[in-house]
């Protein structure tokens, strides 16, 4: 998958029911290109299906963490697009203070978390980061 495919998958993860027209506008591509890329990803087996994600599903990641990211220069928009394409990213927050972004991550294993952390750290423009594992959720929104 190239960067464009990752952006498309990220958009589909946010809303798998989005129309081709909506995706084309969001990703600044033609409808034909969006359709062809989705068909190719399905045919290759990169996309196995489309499903509904419930709030409870997101809360069941065995390994969860918060990654605070410092970004050099004006790379925030580019890094945001890359983060949206990563399957283990649950949410991205902009913030003030020392960190530019706070990224919520959820994986099946510590090894998978380590891989996604390394991938994010290698993104051009990411200068510093700090990660904290979430051990327990004492209170969450809506509960």
Protein backbone atom coordinates (compact mmCIF):
# COMPACT_ATOMS: atom_id res chain seq x y z
CA UNK A 1 0.00 0.00 0.00
CA UNK A 2 1.24 3.47 -0.81
CA UNK A 3 0.54 6.67 1.12
CA UNK A 4 -2.60 7.38 -0.91
CA UNK A 5 -3.98 3.92 -0.10
CA UNK A 6 -3.22 4.52 3.59
CA UNK A 7 -5.13 7.81 3.49
CA UNK A 8 -8.06 6.06 1.76
CA UNK A 9 -8.11 3.26 4.34
CA UNK A 10 -7.97 5.86 7.11
CA UNK A 11 -10.97 7.68 5.62
CA UNK A 12 -12.87 4.39 5.31
CA UNK A 13 -12.05 3.55 8.94
CA UNK A 14 -13.61 6.84 9.99
CA UNK A 15 -16.70 6.27 7.85
CA UNK A 16 -16.96 3.08 5.78
CA UNK A 17 -20.38 4.25 4.57
CA UNK A 18 -18.99 7.39 2.92
CA UNK A 19 -19.92 7.65 -0.73
CA UNK A 20 -17.29 7.61 -3.45
CA UNK A 21 -18.03 11.29 -4.03
CA UNK A 22 -17.48 12.13 -0.35
CA UNK A 23 -14.21 10.18 -0.29
CA UNK A 24 -13.06 11.82 -3.53
CA UNK A 25 -13.64 15.29 -2.11
CA UNK A 26 -12.02 14.45 1.23
CA UNK A 27 -8.94 12.89 -0.39
CA UNK A 28 -8.80 15.30 -3.34
CA UNK A 29 -9.04 12.53 -5.93
CA UNK A 30 -11.49 11.65 -8.67
CA UNK A 31 -14.38 9.27 -7.95
CA UNK A 32 -12.94 6.90 -10.55
CA UNK A 33 -9.58 6.80 -8.78
CA UNK A 34 -11.20 6.20 -5.40
CA UNK A 35 -13.35 3.37 -6.78
CA UNK A 36 -10.39 1.76 -8.59
CA UNK A 37 -8.20 1.93 -5.48
CA UNK A 38 -10.91 0.40 -3.26
CA UNK A 39 -11.53 -2.37 -5.80
CA UNK A 40 -7.78 -3.08 -6.03
CA UNK A 41 -7.38 -3.16 -2.21
CA UNK A 42 -10.30 -5.59 -1.93
CA UNK A 43 -9.03 -7.76 -4.78
CA UNK A 44 -5.51 -7.94 -3.29
CA UNK A 45 -6.97 -8.86 0.09
CA UNK A 46 -5.79 -5.71 1.88
CA UNK A 47 -9.43 -4.87 2.64
CA UNK A 48 -11.29 -7.98 3.76
CA UNK A 49 -14.64 -6.32 4.31
CA UNK A 50 -16.55 -3.40 5.73
CA UNK A 51 -18.01 -3.51 9.19
CA UNK A 52 -19.54 -1.52 11.99
CA UNK A 53 -17.30 -0.50 14.88
CA UNK A 54 -19.08 -0.02 18.17
CA UNK A 55 -17.76 2.16 20.98
CA UNK A 56 -17.26 -0.96 23.10
CA UNK A 57 -15.04 -2.48 20.38
CA UNK A 58 -12.56 0.37 20.65
CA UNK A 59 -12.38 -0.01 24.40
CA UNK A 60 -11.30 -3.66 24.22
CA UNK A 61 -7.77 -3.18 22.86
CA UNK A 62 -5.56 -5.23 25.19
CA UNK A 63 -2.67 -2.76 24.86
CA UNK A 64 -3.45 0.95 24.83
CA UNK A 65 -1.20 3.95 24.96
CA UNK A 66 -0.95 7.70 24.57
CA UNK A 67 1.86 9.01 22.39
CA UNK A 68 2.77 12.66 22.70
CA UNK A 69 4.47 13.96 19.56
CA UNK A 70 6.65 17.00 18.89
CA UNK A 71 6.72 18.12 15.25
CA UNK A 72 9.35 20.19 13.49
CA UNK A 73 8.27 23.11 11.32
CA UNK A 74 5.04 22.98 9.38
CA UNK A 75 4.71 19.23 9.00
CA UNK A 76 1.62 18.80 11.18
CA UNK A 77 -0.92 18.45 8.35
CA UNK A 78 1.21 15.86 6.53
CA UNK A 79 1.79 13.88 9.73
CA UNK A 80 -1.95 14.03 10.55
CA UNK A 81 -2.74 12.50 7.15
CA UNK A 82 -0.21 9.72 7.77
CA UNK A 83 -1.58 9.02 11.24
CA UNK A 84 -5.13 8.75 9.90
CA UNK A 85 -3.98 5.89 7.68
CA UNK A 86 -2.58 3.80 10.53
CA UNK A 87 -4.91 1.05 11.72
CA UNK A 88 -3.74 1.19 15.34
CA UNK A 89 -4.48 4.90 15.75
CA UNK A 90 -7.73 5.33 17.70
CA UNK A 91 -7.75 9.14 17.98
CA UNK A 92 -5.50 12.13 17.31
CA UNK A 93 -5.70 15.32 19.37
CA UNK A 94 -4.01 18.65 18.79
CA UNK A 95 -2.86 20.39 21.94
CA UNK A 96 -0.93 23.33 23.26
CA UNK A 97 2.21 23.29 25.35
CA UNK A 98 5.19 21.03 24.89
CA UNK A 99 3.53 18.53 22.54
CA UNK A 100 1.92 19.22 19.16
CA UNK A 101 -0.23 16.08 19.00
CA UNK A 102 -1.45 13.39 21.36
CA UNK A 103 -2.22 10.09 19.68
CA UNK A 104 -4.35 7.35 21.24
CA UNK A 105 -3.12 3.92 20.18
CA UNK A 106 -4.65 0.47 20.58
CA UNK A 107 -3.02 -2.84 19.66
CA UNK A 108 -3.31 -6.54 20.39
CA UNK A 109 0.23 -6.92 21.77
CA UNK A 110 3.16 -4.93 23.12
CA UNK A 111 5.14 -5.96 20.04
CA UNK A 112 2.48 -4.45 17.79
CA UNK A 113 2.53 -1.25 19.85
CA UNK A 114 6.31 -1.11 19.52
CA UNK A 115 6.02 -1.42 15.73
CA UNK A 116 3.51 1.39 15.41
CA UNK A 117 5.55 3.61 17.76
CA UNK A 118 8.63 3.07 15.61
CA UNK A 119 6.68 3.78 12.44
CA UNK A 120 5.39 7.07 13.85
CA UNK A 121 8.83 8.08 15.16
CA UNK A 122 10.27 7.57 11.67
CA UNK A 123 7.78 9.94 10.03
CA UNK A 124 9.56 12.91 8.50
CA UNK A 125 9.08 15.89 10.82
CA UNK A 126 8.53 13.98 14.07
CA UNK A 127 11.31 15.27 16.31
CA UNK A 128 10.37 14.00 19.77
CA UNK A 129 7.86 11.71 21.36
CA UNK A 130 6.89 10.27 24.70
CA UNK A 131 4.56 7.34 25.21
CA UNK A 132 2.61 6.21 28.26
CA UNK A 133 0.79 2.89 28.51
CA UNK A 134 -2.79 3.07 29.73
CA UNK A 135 -3.16 0.54 32.54
CA UNK A 136 -6.83 0.98 33.44
CA UNK A 137 -9.74 3.24 32.53
CA UNK A 138 -11.38 4.58 35.67
CA UNK A 139 -13.92 6.77 33.83
CA UNK A 140 -14.59 7.33 30.15
CA UNK A 141 -16.95 9.51 28.13
CA UNK A 142 -20.52 8.31 28.16
CA UNK A 143 -20.13 6.08 31.21
